[in-house]
PDB file of N, CA and C in Angstrom:
ATOM      1  N   UNK A   1      81.745 111.761 102.725  1.00  0.00           N
ATOM      2  CA  UNK A   1      83.021 111.171 103.113  1.00  0.00           C
ATOM      3  C   UNK A   1      82.936 109.764 103.462  1.00  0.00           C
ATOM      4  N   UNK A   2      83.911 109.025 103.034  1.00  0.00           N
ATOM      5  CA  UNK A   2      83.951 107.570 103.303  1.00  0.00           C
ATOM      6  C   UNK A   2      84.328 107.484 104.787  1.00  0.00           C
ATOM      7  N   UNK A   3      83.451 106.831 105.561  1.00  0.00           N
ATOM      8  CA  UNK A   3      83.795 106.754 106.986  1.00  0.00           C
ATOM      9  C   UNK A   3      84.757 105.651 107.216  1.00  0.00           C
ATOM     10  N   UNK A   4      85.681 105.874 108.143  1.00  0.00           N
ATOM     11  CA  UNK A   4      86.678 104.893 108.443  1.00  0.00           C
ATOM     12  C   UNK A   4      86.411 104.386 109.824  1.00  0.00           C
ATOM     13  N   UNK A   5      86.667 103.066 110.118  1.00  0.00           N
ATOM     14  CA  UNK A   5      86.534 102.545 111.423  1.00  0.00           C
ATOM     15  C   UNK A   5      87.734 102.935 112.288  1.00  0.00           C
ATOM     16  N   UNK A   6      87.535 103.453 113.425  1.00  0.00           N
ATOM     17  CA  UNK A   6      88.577 104.056 114.295  1.00  0.00           C
ATOM     18  C   UNK A   6      88.647 103.239 115.524  1.00  0.00           C
ATOM     19  N   UNK A   7      89.685 103.129 116.132  1.00  0.00           N
ATOM     20  CA  UNK A   7      89.906 102.469 117.465  1.00  0.00           C
ATOM     21  C   UNK A   7      91.362 102.049 117.576  1.00  0.00           C
ATOM     22  N   UNK A   8      91.646 101.420 118.788  1.00  0.00           N
ATOM     23  CA  UNK A   8      92.982 101.077 119.023  1.00  0.00           C
ATOM     24  C   UNK A   8      93.540 100.056 118.132  1.00  0.00           C
ATOM     25  N   UNK A   9      92.711  99.041 117.671  1.00  0.00           N
ATOM     26  CA  UNK A   9      93.308  98.042 116.769  1.00  0.00           C
ATOM     27  C   UNK A   9      93.623  98.725 115.431  1.00  0.00           C
ATOM     28  N   UNK A  10      92.679  99.617 114.979  1.00  0.00           N
ATOM     29  CA  UNK A  10      92.994 100.388 113.668  1.00  0.00           C
ATOM     30  C   UNK A  10      94.260 101.227 113.812  1.00  0.00           C
ATOM     31  N   UNK A  11      94.451 101.972 114.904  1.00  0.00           N
ATOM     32  CA  UNK A  11      95.610 102.700 115.203  1.00  0.00           C
ATOM     33  C   UNK A  11      96.892 101.790 115.213  1.00  0.00           C
ATOM     34  N   UNK A  12      96.910 100.666 115.772  1.00  0.00           N
ATOM     35  CA  UNK A  12      97.969  99.760 115.789  1.00  0.00           C
ATOM     36  C   UNK A  12      98.319  99.313 114.333  1.00  0.00           C
ATOM     37  N   UNK A  13      97.296  98.984 113.537  1.00  0.00           N
ATOM     38  CA  UNK A  13      97.575  98.694 112.147  1.00  0.00           C
ATOM     39  C   UNK A  13      98.227  99.839 111.409  1.00  0.00           C
ATOM     40  N   UNK A  14      97.808 100.973 111.610  1.00  0.00           N
ATOM     41  CA  UNK A  14      98.327 102.234 111.001  1.00  0.00           C
ATOM     42  C   UNK A  14      99.854 102.343 111.433  1.00  0.00           C
ATOM     43  N   UNK A  15     100.080 102.232 112.753  1.00  0.00           N
ATOM     44  CA  UNK A  15     101.447 102.386 113.239  1.00  0.00           C
ATOM     45  C   UNK A  15     102.349 101.273 112.590  1.00  0.00           C
ATOM     46  N   UNK A  16     101.840 100.046 112.455  1.00  0.00           N
ATOM     47  CA  UNK A  16     102.649  99.051 111.874  1.00  0.00           C
ATOM     48  C   UNK A  16     102.909  99.263 110.432  1.00  0.00           C
ATOM     49  N   UNK A  17     101.963  99.775 109.717  1.00  0.00           N
ATOM     50  CA  UNK A  17     102.121 100.198 108.353  1.00  0.00           C
ATOM     51  C   UNK A  17     103.156 101.294 108.128  1.00  0.00           C
ATOM     52  N   UNK A  18     103.099 102.322 109.090  1.00  0.00           N
ATOM     53  CA  UNK A  18     103.923 103.421 109.025  1.00  0.00           C
ATOM     54  C   UNK A  18     105.351 102.998 109.142  1.00  0.00           C
ATOM     55  N   UNK A  19     105.666 101.964 110.032  1.00  0.00           N
ATOM     56  CA  UNK A  19     106.948 101.410 110.259  1.00  0.00           C
ATOM     57  C   UNK A  19     107.490 100.894 108.830  1.00  0.00           C
ATOM     58  N   UNK A  20     106.669 100.148 108.181  1.00  0.00           N
ATOM     59  CA  UNK A  20     106.974  99.496 106.920  1.00  0.00           C
ATOM     60  C   UNK A  20     107.293 100.558 105.825  1.00  0.00           C
ATOM     61  N   UNK A  21     106.480 101.588 105.875  1.00  0.00           N
ATOM     62  CA  UNK A  21     106.596 102.698 104.855  1.00  0.00           C
ATOM     63  C   UNK A  21     107.934 103.401 105.040  1.00  0.00           C
ATOM     64  N   UNK A  22     108.287 103.701 106.336  1.00  0.00           N
ATOM     65  CA  UNK A  22     109.477 104.410 106.587  1.00  0.00           C
ATOM     66  C   UNK A  22     110.720 103.525 106.135  1.00  0.00           C
ATOM     67  N   UNK A  23     110.560 102.192 106.486  1.00  0.00           N
ATOM     68  CA  UNK A  23     111.634 101.247 105.986  1.00  0.00           C
ATOM     69  C   UNK A  23     111.773 101.275 104.486  1.00  0.00           C
ATOM     70  N   UNK A  24     110.770 101.594 103.762  1.00  0.00           N
ATOM     71  CA  UNK A  24     110.782 101.605 102.317  1.00  0.00           C
ATOM     72  C   UNK A  24     111.497 102.979 101.793  1.00  0.00           C
ATOM     73  N   UNK A  25     111.823 103.872 102.702  1.00  0.00           N
ATOM     74  CA  UNK A  25     112.424 105.100 102.382  1.00  0.00           C
ATOM     75  C   UNK A  25     111.552 106.336 102.277  1.00  0.00           C
ATOM     76  N   UNK A  26     110.320 106.176 102.772  1.00  0.00           N
ATOM     77  CA  UNK A  26     109.447 107.332 102.635  1.00  0.00           C
ATOM     78  C   UNK A  26     109.606 108.369 103.791  1.00  0.00           C
ATOM     79  N   UNK A  27     109.330 109.637 103.606  1.00  0.00           N
ATOM     80  CA  UNK A  27     109.427 110.661 104.536  1.00  0.00           C
ATOM     81  C   UNK A  27     108.048 111.467 104.553  1.00  0.00           C
ATOM     82  N   UNK A  28     108.068 112.396 105.408  1.00  0.00           N
ATOM     83  CA  UNK A  28     106.855 113.293 105.518  1.00  0.00           C
ATOM     84  C   UNK A  28     105.549 112.534 105.588  1.00  0.00           C
ATOM     85  N   UNK A  29     105.497 111.578 106.505  1.00  0.00           N
ATOM     86  CA  UNK A  29     104.453 110.696 106.685  1.00  0.00           C
ATOM     87  C   UNK A  29     103.191 111.452 107.340  1.00  0.00           C
ATOM     88  N   UNK A  30     102.076 111.369 106.735  1.00  0.00           N
ATOM     89  CA  UNK A  30     100.865 111.827 107.252  1.00  0.00           C
ATOM     90  C   UNK A  30      99.888 110.652 107.496  1.00  0.00           C
ATOM     91  N   UNK A  31      99.134 110.628 108.561  1.00  0.00           N
ATOM     92  CA  UNK A  31      98.355 109.456 108.728  1.00  0.00           C
ATOM     93  C   UNK A  31      97.041 109.919 109.547  1.00  0.00           C
ATOM     94  N   UNK A  32      96.034 109.148 109.456  1.00  0.00           N
ATOM     95  CA  UNK A  32      94.746 109.516 109.987  1.00  0.00           C
ATOM     96  C   UNK A  32      94.585 108.902 111.485  1.00  0.00           C
ATOM     97  N   UNK A  33      95.676 109.158 112.249  1.00  0.00           N
ATOM     98  CA  UNK A  33      95.571 108.784 113.723  1.00  0.00           C
ATOM     99  C   UNK A  33      96.211 110.065 114.485  1.00  0.00           C
ATOM    100  N   UNK A  34      95.896 109.995 115.737  1.00  0.00           N
ATOM    101  CA  UNK A  34      96.149 111.169 116.563  1.00  0.00           C
ATOM    102  C   UNK A  34      97.522 111.646 116.536  1.00  0.00           C
ATOM    103  N   UNK A  35      98.607 110.824 116.624  1.00  0.00           N
ATOM    104  CA  UNK A  35      99.911 111.377 116.741  1.00  0.00           C
ATOM    105  C   UNK A  35     100.600 111.844 115.417  1.00  0.00           C
ATOM    106  N   UNK A  36      99.818 111.917 114.331  1.00  0.00           N
ATOM    107  CA  UNK A  36     100.358 112.396 113.059  1.00  0.00           C
ATOM    108  C   UNK A  36      99.494 113.535 112.533  1.00  0.00           C
ATOM    109  N   UNK A  37     100.060 114.280 111.622  1.00  0.00           N
ATOM    110  CA  UNK A  37      99.313 115.309 110.960  1.00  0.00           C
ATOM    111  C   UNK A  37      98.372 114.462 109.935  1.00  0.00           C
ATOM    112  N   UNK A  38      97.219 114.850 109.846  1.00  0.00           N
ATOM    113  CA  UNK A  38      96.246 114.068 108.975  1.00  0.00           C
ATOM    114  C   UNK A  38      96.535 114.273 107.469  1.00  0.00           C
ATOM    115  N   UNK A  39      96.368 113.273 106.563  1.00  0.00           N
ATOM    116  CA  UNK A  39      96.483 113.420 105.191  1.00  0.00           C
ATOM    117  C   UNK A  39      95.460 114.412 104.686  1.00  0.00           C
ATOM    118  N   UNK A  40      95.752 115.017 103.552  1.00  0.00           N
ATOM    119  CA  UNK A  40      94.810 115.944 102.936  1.00  0.00           C
ATOM    120  C   UNK A  40      93.580 115.114 102.273  1.00  0.00           C
ATOM    121  N   UNK A  41      92.342 115.623 102.401  1.00  0.00           N
ATOM    122  CA  UNK A  41      91.309 115.007 101.690  1.00  0.00           C
ATOM    123  C   UNK A  41      91.342 115.205 100.235  1.00  0.00           C
ATOM    124  N   UNK A  42      90.691 114.188  99.532  1.00  0.00           N
ATOM    125  CA  UNK A  42      90.675 114.232  98.074  1.00  0.00           C
ATOM    126  C   UNK A  42      89.245 114.261  97.705  1.00  0.00           C
ATOM    127  N   UNK A  43      88.751 115.211  96.838  1.00  0.00           N
ATOM    128  CA  UNK A  43      87.464 115.353  96.488  1.00  0.00           C
ATOM    129  C   UNK A  43      87.286 114.747  95.037  1.00  0.00           C
ATOM    130  N   UNK A  44      86.535 113.728  94.915  1.00  0.00           N
ATOM    131  CA  UNK A  44      86.281 113.013  93.615  1.00  0.00           C
ATOM    132  C   UNK A  44      84.929 113.540  93.078  1.00  0.00           C
ATOM    133  N   UNK A  45      84.911 113.799  91.748  1.00  0.00           N
ATOM    134  CA  UNK A  45      83.679 114.118  91.121  1.00  0.00           C
ATOM    135  C   UNK A  45      83.201 113.193  90.087  1.00  0.00           C
ATOM    136  N   UNK A  46      81.971 113.127  90.126  1.00  0.00           N
ATOM    137  CA  UNK A  46      81.296 112.224  89.248  1.00  0.00           C
ATOM    138  C   UNK A  46      79.770 112.524  89.299  1.00  0.00           C
ATOM    139  N   UNK A  47      78.972 111.476  89.434  1.00  0.00           N
ATOM    140  CA  UNK A  47      77.541 111.807  89.505  1.00  0.00           C
ATOM    141  C   UNK A  47      77.193 112.359  90.920  1.00  0.00           C
ATOM    142  N   UNK A  48      78.057 112.013  91.826  1.00  0.00           N
ATOM    143  CA  UNK A  48      77.896 112.669  93.183  1.00  0.00           C
ATOM    144  C   UNK A  48      79.385 113.036  93.576  1.00  0.00           C
ATOM    145  N   UNK A  49      79.464 114.132  94.316  1.00  0.00           N
ATOM    146  CA  UNK A  49      80.902 114.509  94.888  1.00  0.00           C
ATOM    147  C   UNK A  49      81.110 113.749  96.084  1.00  0.00           C
ATOM    148  N   UNK A  50      82.273 113.056  96.184  1.00  0.00           N
ATOM    149  CA  UNK A  50      82.717 112.255  97.241  1.00  0.00           C
ATOM    150  C   UNK A  50      84.073 112.668  97.783  1.00  0.00           C
ATOM    151  N   UNK A  51      84.187 112.742  99.000  1.00  0.00           N
ATOM    152  CA  UNK A  51      85.552 113.087  99.699  1.00  0.00           C
ATOM    153  C   UNK A  51      86.139 111.855 100.253  1.00  0.00           C
ATOM    154  N   UNK A  52      87.382 111.641  99.988  1.00  0.00           N
ATOM    155  CA  UNK A  52      88.163 110.568 100.378  1.00  0.00           C
ATOM    156  C   UNK A  52      89.305 111.061 101.229  1.00  0.00           C
ATOM    157  N   UNK A  53      89.692 110.359 102.270  1.00  0.00           N
ATOM    158  CA  UNK A  53      90.842 110.648 103.063  1.00  0.00           C
ATOM    159  C   UNK A  53      91.691 109.410 103.081  1.00  0.00           C
ATOM    160  N   UNK A  54      92.872 109.396 102.542  1.00  0.00           N
ATOM    161  CA  UNK A  54      93.767 108.206 102.601  1.00  0.00           C
ATOM    162  C   UNK A  54      94.142 107.936 104.040  1.00  0.00           C
ATOM    163  N   UNK A  55      94.360 106.637 104.309  1.00  0.00           N
ATOM    164  CA  UNK A  55      94.883 106.262 105.665  1.00  0.00           C
ATOM    165  C   UNK A  55      96.128 106.923 105.916  1.00  0.00           C
ATOM    166  N   UNK A  56      97.132 106.800 104.925  1.00  0.00           N
ATOM    167  CA  UNK A  56      98.440 107.291 105.089  1.00  0.00           C
ATOM    168  C   UNK A  56      98.911 107.862 103.816  1.00  0.00           C
ATOM    169  N   UNK A  57      99.679 109.000 103.887  1.00  0.00           N
ATOM    170  CA  UNK A  57     100.429 109.452 102.682  1.00  0.00           C
ATOM    171  C   UNK A  57     101.882 109.693 103.024  1.00  0.00           C
ATOM    172  N   UNK A  58     102.701 109.622 102.107  1.00  0.00           N
ATOM    173  CA  UNK A  58     104.254 109.931 102.430  1.00  0.00           C
ATOM    174  C   UNK A  58     104.921 110.337 101.039  1.00  0.00           C
ATOM    175  N   UNK A  59     106.013 110.872 101.281  1.00  0.00           N
ATOM    176  CA  UNK A  59     106.815 111.239  99.988  1.00  0.00           C
ATOM    177  C   UNK A  59     108.116 110.424  99.965  1.00  0.00           C
ATOM    178  N   UNK A  60     108.512 110.236  98.687  1.00  0.00           N
ATOM    179  CA  UNK A  60     109.681 109.479  98.367  1.00  0.00           C
ATOM    180  C   UNK A  60     110.258 109.990  97.024  1.00  0.00           C
ATOM    181  N   UNK A  61     111.440 110.531  96.907  1.00  0.00           N
ATOM    182  CA  UNK A  61     112.066 110.916  95.611  1.00  0.00           C
ATOM    183  C   UNK A  61     111.166 111.792  94.863  1.00  0.00           C
ATOM    184  N   UNK A  62     110.442 112.773  95.485  1.00  0.00           N
ATOM    185  CA  UNK A  62     109.588 113.623  94.741  1.00  0.00           C
ATOM    186  C   UNK A  62     108.277 113.064  94.274  1.00  0.00           C
ATOM    187  N   UNK A  63     108.026 111.895  94.647  1.00  0.00           N
ATOM    188  CA  UNK A  63     106.686 111.221  94.323  1.00  0.00           C
ATOM    189  C   UNK A  63     105.893 111.075  95.628  1.00  0.00           C
ATOM    190  N   UNK A  64     104.612 110.958  95.525  1.00  0.00           N
ATOM    191  CA  UNK A  64     103.739 110.786  96.563  1.00  0.00           C
ATOM    192  C   UNK A  64     103.098 109.384  96.647  1.00  0.00           C
ATOM    193  N   UNK A  65     103.216 108.705  97.840  1.00  0.00           N
ATOM    194  CA  UNK A  65     102.764 107.396  98.006  1.00  0.00           C
ATOM    195  C   UNK A  65     101.394 107.468  98.756  1.00  0.00           C
ATOM    196  N   UNK A  66     100.451 106.667  98.429  1.00  0.00           N
ATOM    197  CA  UNK A  66      99.183 106.555  99.069  1.00  0.00           C
ATOM    198  C   UNK A  66      99.015 105.215  99.624  1.00  0.00           C
ATOM    199  N   UNK A  67      98.580 105.043 100.853  1.00  0.00           N
ATOM    200  CA  UNK A  67      98.592 103.744 101.541  1.00  0.00           C
ATOM    201  C   UNK A  67      97.191 103.654 102.293  1.00  0.00           C
ATOM    202  N   UNK A  68      96.744 102.375 102.178  1.00  0.00           N
ATOM    203  CA  UNK A  68      95.489 102.030 102.865  1.00  0.00           C
ATOM    204  C   UNK A  68      95.605 100.830 103.704  1.00  0.00           C
ATOM    205  N   UNK A  69      94.724 100.766 104.680  1.00  0.00           N
ATOM    206  CA  UNK A  69      94.526  99.480 105.473  1.00  0.00           C
ATOM    207  C   UNK A  69      93.337  98.824 104.987  1.00  0.00           C
ATOM    208  N   UNK A  70      93.348  97.529 104.500  1.00  0.00           N
ATOM    209  CA  UNK A  70      92.177  96.818 103.910  1.00  0.00           C
ATOM    210  C   UNK A  70      91.324  96.519 105.102  1.00  0.00           C
ATOM    211  N   UNK A  71      90.042  96.762 104.981  1.00  0.00           N
ATOM    212  CA  UNK A  71      89.042  96.444 105.997  1.00  0.00           C
ATOM    213  C   UNK A  71      87.853  95.862 105.261  1.00  0.00           C
ATOM    214  N   UNK A  72      87.385  94.736 105.722  1.00  0.00           N
ATOM    215  CA  UNK A  72      86.223  94.063 105.153  1.00  0.00           C
ATOM    216  C   UNK A  72      84.983  94.963 105.287  1.00  0.00           C
ATOM    217  N   UNK A  73      84.173  95.078 104.192  1.00  0.00           N
ATOM    218  CA  UNK A  73      82.915  95.827 104.246  1.00  0.00           C
ATOM    219  C   UNK A  73      81.866  94.992 103.476  1.00  0.00           C
ATOM    220  N   UNK A  74      80.628  95.049 103.936  1.00  0.00           N
ATOM    221  CA  UNK A  74      79.580  94.330 103.273  1.00  0.00           C
ATOM    222  C   UNK A  74      79.316  94.751 101.841  1.00  0.00           C
ATOM    223  N   UNK A  75      79.411  96.171 101.677  1.00  0.00           N
ATOM    224  CA  UNK A  75      79.288  96.702 100.345  1.00  0.00           C
ATOM    225  C   UNK A  75      80.563  97.418  99.945  1.00  0.00           C
ATOM    226  N   UNK A  76      81.477  96.747  99.299  1.00  0.00           N
ATOM    227  CA  UNK A  76      82.897  97.403  99.010  1.00  0.00           C
ATOM    228  C   UNK A  76      82.903  98.433  97.884  1.00  0.00           C
ATOM    229  N   UNK A  77      81.642  98.845  97.295  1.00  0.00           N
ATOM    230  CA  UNK A  77      81.652  99.839  96.232  1.00  0.00           C
ATOM    231  C   UNK A  77      82.388 101.075  96.468  1.00  0.00           C
ATOM    232  N   UNK A  78      82.136 101.752  97.696  1.00  0.00           N
ATOM    233  CA  UNK A  78      82.764 102.970  98.028  1.00  0.00           C
ATOM    234  C   UNK A  78      84.211 102.784  98.291  1.00  0.00           C
ATOM    235  N   UNK A  79      84.648 101.668  98.872  1.00  0.00           N
ATOM    236  CA  UNK A  79      85.995 101.334  99.092  1.00  0.00           C
ATOM    237  C   UNK A  79      86.706 101.128  97.777  1.00  0.00           C
ATOM    238  N   UNK A  80      86.224 100.489  96.914  1.00  0.00           N
ATOM    239  CA  UNK A  80      86.770 100.255  95.511  1.00  0.00           C
ATOM    240  C   UNK A  80      86.981 101.634  94.817  1.00  0.00           C
ATOM    241  N   UNK A  81      86.004 102.445  94.957  1.00  0.00           N
ATOM    242  CA  UNK A  81      86.065 103.863  94.331  1.00  0.00           C
ATOM    243  C   UNK A  81      87.272 104.611  94.932  1.00  0.00           C
ATOM    244  N   UNK A  82      87.298 104.535  96.272  1.00  0.00           N
ATOM    245  CA  UNK A  82      88.430 105.214  96.987  1.00  0.00           C
ATOM    246  C   UNK A  82      89.735 104.652  96.485  1.00  0.00           C
ATOM    247  N   UNK A  83      89.877 103.299  96.457  1.00  0.00           N
ATOM    248  CA  UNK A  83      91.073 102.694  95.996  1.00  0.00           C
ATOM    249  C   UNK A  83      91.471 103.108  94.553  1.00  0.00           C
ATOM    250  N   UNK A  84      90.502 103.193  93.730  1.00  0.00           N
ATOM    251  CA  UNK A  84      90.761 103.508  92.336  1.00  0.00           C
ATOM    252  C   UNK A  84      91.205 104.919  92.174  1.00  0.00           C
ATOM    253  N   UNK A  85      90.605 105.839  92.889  1.00  0.00           N
ATOM    254  CA  UNK A  85      91.041 107.291  92.897  1.00  0.00           C
ATOM    255  C   UNK A  85      92.525 107.400  93.475  1.00  0.00           C
ATOM    256  N   UNK A  86      92.949 106.649  94.586  1.00  0.00           N
ATOM    257  CA  UNK A  86      94.203 106.700  95.037  1.00  0.00           C
ATOM    258  C   UNK A  86      95.177 106.086  94.177  1.00  0.00           C
ATOM    259  N   UNK A  87      94.791 105.002  93.416  1.00  0.00           N
ATOM    260  CA  UNK A  87      95.751 104.442  92.397  1.00  0.00           C
ATOM    261  C   UNK A  87      96.075 105.403  91.244  1.00  0.00           C
ATOM    262  N   UNK A  88      95.032 106.148  90.786  1.00  0.00           N
ATOM    263  CA  UNK A  88      95.249 107.201  89.785  1.00  0.00           C
ATOM    264  C   UNK A  88      96.106 108.274  90.277  1.00  0.00           C
ATOM    265  N   UNK A  89      95.837 108.771  91.422  1.00  0.00           N
ATOM    266  CA  UNK A  89      96.537 109.832  92.073  1.00  0.00           C
ATOM    267  C   UNK A  89      98.044 109.443  92.158  1.00  0.00           C
ATOM    268  N   UNK A  90      98.331 108.266  92.683  1.00  0.00           N
ATOM    269  CA  UNK A  90      99.718 107.842  92.849  1.00  0.00           C
ATOM    270  C   UNK A  90     100.472 107.813  91.535  1.00  0.00           C
ATOM    271  N   UNK A  91      99.736 107.312  90.439  1.00  0.00           N
ATOM    272  CA  UNK A  91     100.388 107.372  89.123  1.00  0.00           C
ATOM    273  C   UNK A  91     100.678 108.754  88.655  1.00  0.00           C
ATOM    274  N   UNK A  92      99.653 109.730  88.807  1.00  0.00           N
ATOM    275  CA  UNK A  92      99.913 111.074  88.496  1.00  0.00           C
ATOM    276  C   UNK A  92     101.010 111.732  89.182  1.00  0.00           C
ATOM    277  N   UNK A  93     101.220 111.396  90.451  1.00  0.00           N
ATOM    278  CA  UNK A  93     102.167 112.027  91.276  1.00  0.00           C
ATOM    279  C   UNK A  93     103.454 111.218  91.393  1.00  0.00           C
ATOM    280  N   UNK A  94     103.663 110.364  90.396  1.00  0.00           N
ATOM    281  CA  UNK A  94     104.914 109.604  90.342  1.00  0.00           C
ATOM    282  C   UNK A  94     105.247 108.897  91.706  1.00  0.00           C
ATOM    283  N   UNK A  95     104.225 108.246  92.269  1.00  0.00           N
ATOM    284  CA  UNK A  95     104.300 107.501  93.497  1.00  0.00           C
ATOM    285  C   UNK A  95     103.750 106.102  93.299  1.00  0.00           C
ATOM    286  N   UNK A  96     103.481 105.491  94.409  1.00  0.00           N
ATOM    287  CA  UNK A  96     102.798 104.194  94.368  1.00  0.00           C
ATOM    288  C   UNK A  96     101.695 104.081  95.306  1.00  0.00           C
ATOM    289  N   UNK A  97     100.787 103.072  95.033  1.00  0.00           N
ATOM    290  CA  UNK A  97      99.691 102.825  95.907  1.00  0.00           C
ATOM    291  C   UNK A  97      99.872 101.449  96.519  1.00  0.00           C
ATOM    292  N   UNK A  98      99.893 101.403  97.819  1.00  0.00           N
ATOM    293  CA  UNK A  98     100.069 100.144  98.547  1.00  0.00           C
ATOM    294  C   UNK A  98      98.839  99.947  99.470  1.00  0.00           C
ATOM    295  N   UNK A  99      98.415  98.667  99.519  1.00  0.00           N
ATOM    296  CA  UNK A  99      97.345  98.281 100.455  1.00  0.00           C
ATOM    297  C   UNK A  99      97.867  97.340 101.500  1.00  0.00           C
ATOM    298  N   UNK A 100      97.896  97.737 102.754  1.00  0.00           N
ATOM    299  CA  UNK A 100      98.244  96.806 103.799  1.00  0.00           C
ATOM    300  C   UNK A 100      97.106  95.990 104.255  1.00  0.00           C
ATOM    301  N   UNK A 101      97.320  94.785 104.268  1.00  0.00           N
ATOM    302  CA  UNK A 101      96.244  93.753 104.533  1.00  0.00           C
ATOM    303  C   UNK A 101      96.465  93.004 105.899  1.00  0.00           C
ATOM    304  N   UNK A 102      95.483  93.330 106.861  1.00  0.00           N
ATOM    305  CA  UNK A 102      95.663  92.592 108.141  1.00  0.00           C
ATOM    306  C   UNK A 102      95.225  91.106 107.857  1.00  0.00           C
ATOM    307  N   UNK A 103      95.606  90.276 108.841  1.00  0.00           N
ATOM    308  CA  UNK A 103      95.288  88.801 108.827  1.00  0.00           C
ATOM    309  C   UNK A 103      93.828  88.591 108.600  1.00  0.00           C
ATOM    310  N   UNK A 104      93.488  87.724 107.621  1.00  0.00           N
ATOM    311  CA  UNK A 104      92.076  87.462 107.370  1.00  0.00           C
ATOM    312  C   UNK A 104      91.432  88.370 106.367  1.00  0.00           C
ATOM    313  N   UNK A 105      92.069  89.327 105.785  1.00  0.00           N
ATOM    314  CA  UNK A 105      91.443  90.222 104.850  1.00  0.00           C
ATOM    315  C   UNK A 105      92.017  90.128 103.401  1.00  0.00           C
ATOM    316  N   UNK A 106      93.042  89.167 103.212  1.00  0.00           N
ATOM    317  CA  UNK A 106      93.659  89.097 101.909  1.00  0.00           C
ATOM    318  C   UNK A 106      92.767  88.722 100.777  1.00  0.00           C
ATOM    319  N   UNK A 107      91.909  87.723 100.972  1.00  0.00           N
ATOM    320  CA  UNK A 107      90.962  87.336  99.827  1.00  0.00           C
ATOM    321  C   UNK A 107      90.097  88.478  99.457  1.00  0.00           C
ATOM    322  N   UNK A 108      89.548  89.176 100.528  1.00  0.00           N
ATOM    323  CA  UNK A 108      88.702  90.322 100.342  1.00  0.00           C
ATOM    324  C   UNK A 108      89.453  91.317  99.468  1.00  0.00           C
ATOM    325  N   UNK A 109      90.612  91.776  99.882  1.00  0.00           N
ATOM    326  CA  UNK A 109      91.402  92.827  99.236  1.00  0.00           C
ATOM    327  C   UNK A 109      91.766  92.324  97.760  1.00  0.00           C
ATOM    328  N   UNK A 110      92.122  91.108  97.591  1.00  0.00           N
ATOM    329  CA  UNK A 110      92.396  90.576  96.298  1.00  0.00           C
ATOM    330  C   UNK A 110      91.292  90.634  95.307  1.00  0.00           C
ATOM    331  N   UNK A 111      90.138  90.178  95.870  1.00  0.00           N
ATOM    332  CA  UNK A 111      88.947  90.221  95.114  1.00  0.00           C
ATOM    333  C   UNK A 111      88.583  91.670  94.499  1.00  0.00           C
ATOM    334  N   UNK A 112      88.725  92.540  95.525  1.00  0.00           N
ATOM    335  CA  UNK A 112      88.305  93.947  95.080  1.00  0.00           C
ATOM    336  C   UNK A 112      89.351  94.470  93.997  1.00  0.00           C
ATOM    337  N   UNK A 113      90.590  94.262  94.159  1.00  0.00           N
ATOM    338  CA  UNK A 113      91.539  94.913  93.164  1.00  0.00           C
ATOM    339  C   UNK A 113      91.406  94.190  91.878  1.00  0.00           C
ATOM    340  N   UNK A 114      91.071  92.913  91.874  1.00  0.00           N
ATOM    341  CA  UNK A 114      90.819  92.151  90.662  1.00  0.00           C
ATOM    342  C   UNK A 114      89.493  92.445  89.936  1.00  0.00           C
ATOM    343  N   UNK A 115      88.414  92.684  90.706  1.00  0.00           N
ATOM    344  CA  UNK A 115      87.174  93.004  90.155  1.00  0.00           C
ATOM    345  C   UNK A 115      87.078  94.334  89.581  1.00  0.00           C
ATOM    346  N   UNK A 116      87.767  95.300  90.251  1.00  0.00           N
ATOM    347  CA  UNK A 116      87.786  96.742  89.863  1.00  0.00           C
ATOM    348  C   UNK A 116      89.018  97.140  89.107  1.00  0.00           C
ATOM    349  N   UNK A 117      89.919  96.166  88.762  1.00  0.00           N
ATOM    350  CA  UNK A 117      91.093  96.525  88.028  1.00  0.00           C
ATOM    351  C   UNK A 117      91.936  97.507  88.650  1.00  0.00           C
ATOM    352  N   UNK A 118      92.203  97.429  89.882  1.00  0.00           N
ATOM    353  CA  UNK A 118      93.015  98.371  90.571  1.00  0.00           C
ATOM    354  C   UNK A 118      94.526  97.889  90.784  1.00  0.00           C
ATOM    355  N   UNK A 119      95.443  98.737  90.307  1.00  0.00           N
ATOM    356  CA  UNK A 119      96.807  98.448  90.263  1.00  0.00           C
ATOM    357  C   UNK A 119      97.459  98.769  91.629  1.00  0.00           C
ATOM    358  N   UNK A 120      97.563  97.813  92.536  1.00  0.00           N
ATOM    359  CA  UNK A 120      98.057  98.179  93.923  1.00  0.00           C
ATOM    360  C   UNK A 120      98.854  96.964  94.405  1.00  0.00           C
ATOM    361  N   UNK A 121      99.859  97.204  95.184  1.00  0.00           N
ATOM    362  CA  UNK A 121     100.577  96.126  95.782  1.00  0.00           C
ATOM    363  C   UNK A 121      99.914  95.844  97.145  1.00  0.00           C
ATOM    364  N   UNK A 122      99.707  94.539  97.362  1.00  0.00           N
ATOM    365  CA  UNK A 122      99.100  94.134  98.616  1.00  0.00           C
ATOM    366  C   UNK A 122     100.297  93.676  99.570  1.00  0.00           C
ATOM    367  N   UNK A 123     100.252  94.222 100.795  1.00  0.00           N
ATOM    368  CA  UNK A 123     101.316  93.833 101.765  1.00  0.00           C
ATOM    369  C   UNK A 123     100.595  93.322 103.060  1.00  0.00           C
ATOM    370  N   UNK A 124     101.089  92.097 103.420  1.00  0.00           N
ATOM    371  CA  UNK A 124     100.541  91.558 104.693  1.00  0.00           C
ATOM    372  C   UNK A 124     101.025  92.273 105.885  1.00  0.00           C
ATOM    373  N   UNK A 125     100.100  92.494 106.833  1.00  0.00           N
ATOM    374  CA  UNK A 125     100.381  93.186 108.171  1.00  0.00           C
ATOM    375  C   UNK A 125     100.183  91.983 109.159  1.00  0.00           C
TER     376      UNK A 125
END
């Protein structure tokens, strides 16, 4: 499972992203923080089986949206794999994949989506 950093700053970013998601018309929000039902985990198969848990999921017009908070990592390979899986799932479920980017992380997030050809909208937090 891809480990996520947890803490009050992370929870604040999740809450801020949820407000933006709801303003976009999404409902049935699930998030990986205490006050929400957690999103379902996604099992990816390849040379090794990997389990991913999106930061946030929500529904809109019958489609499923997947949302992530960008966090700098020294080795972004697992993060890029997770984002690629979420991008594909969003397309399959007629939804969208958005990455919320806290201050100071935009270049990092932009570099990953460009390098790994990930179709996602980056939104400043």
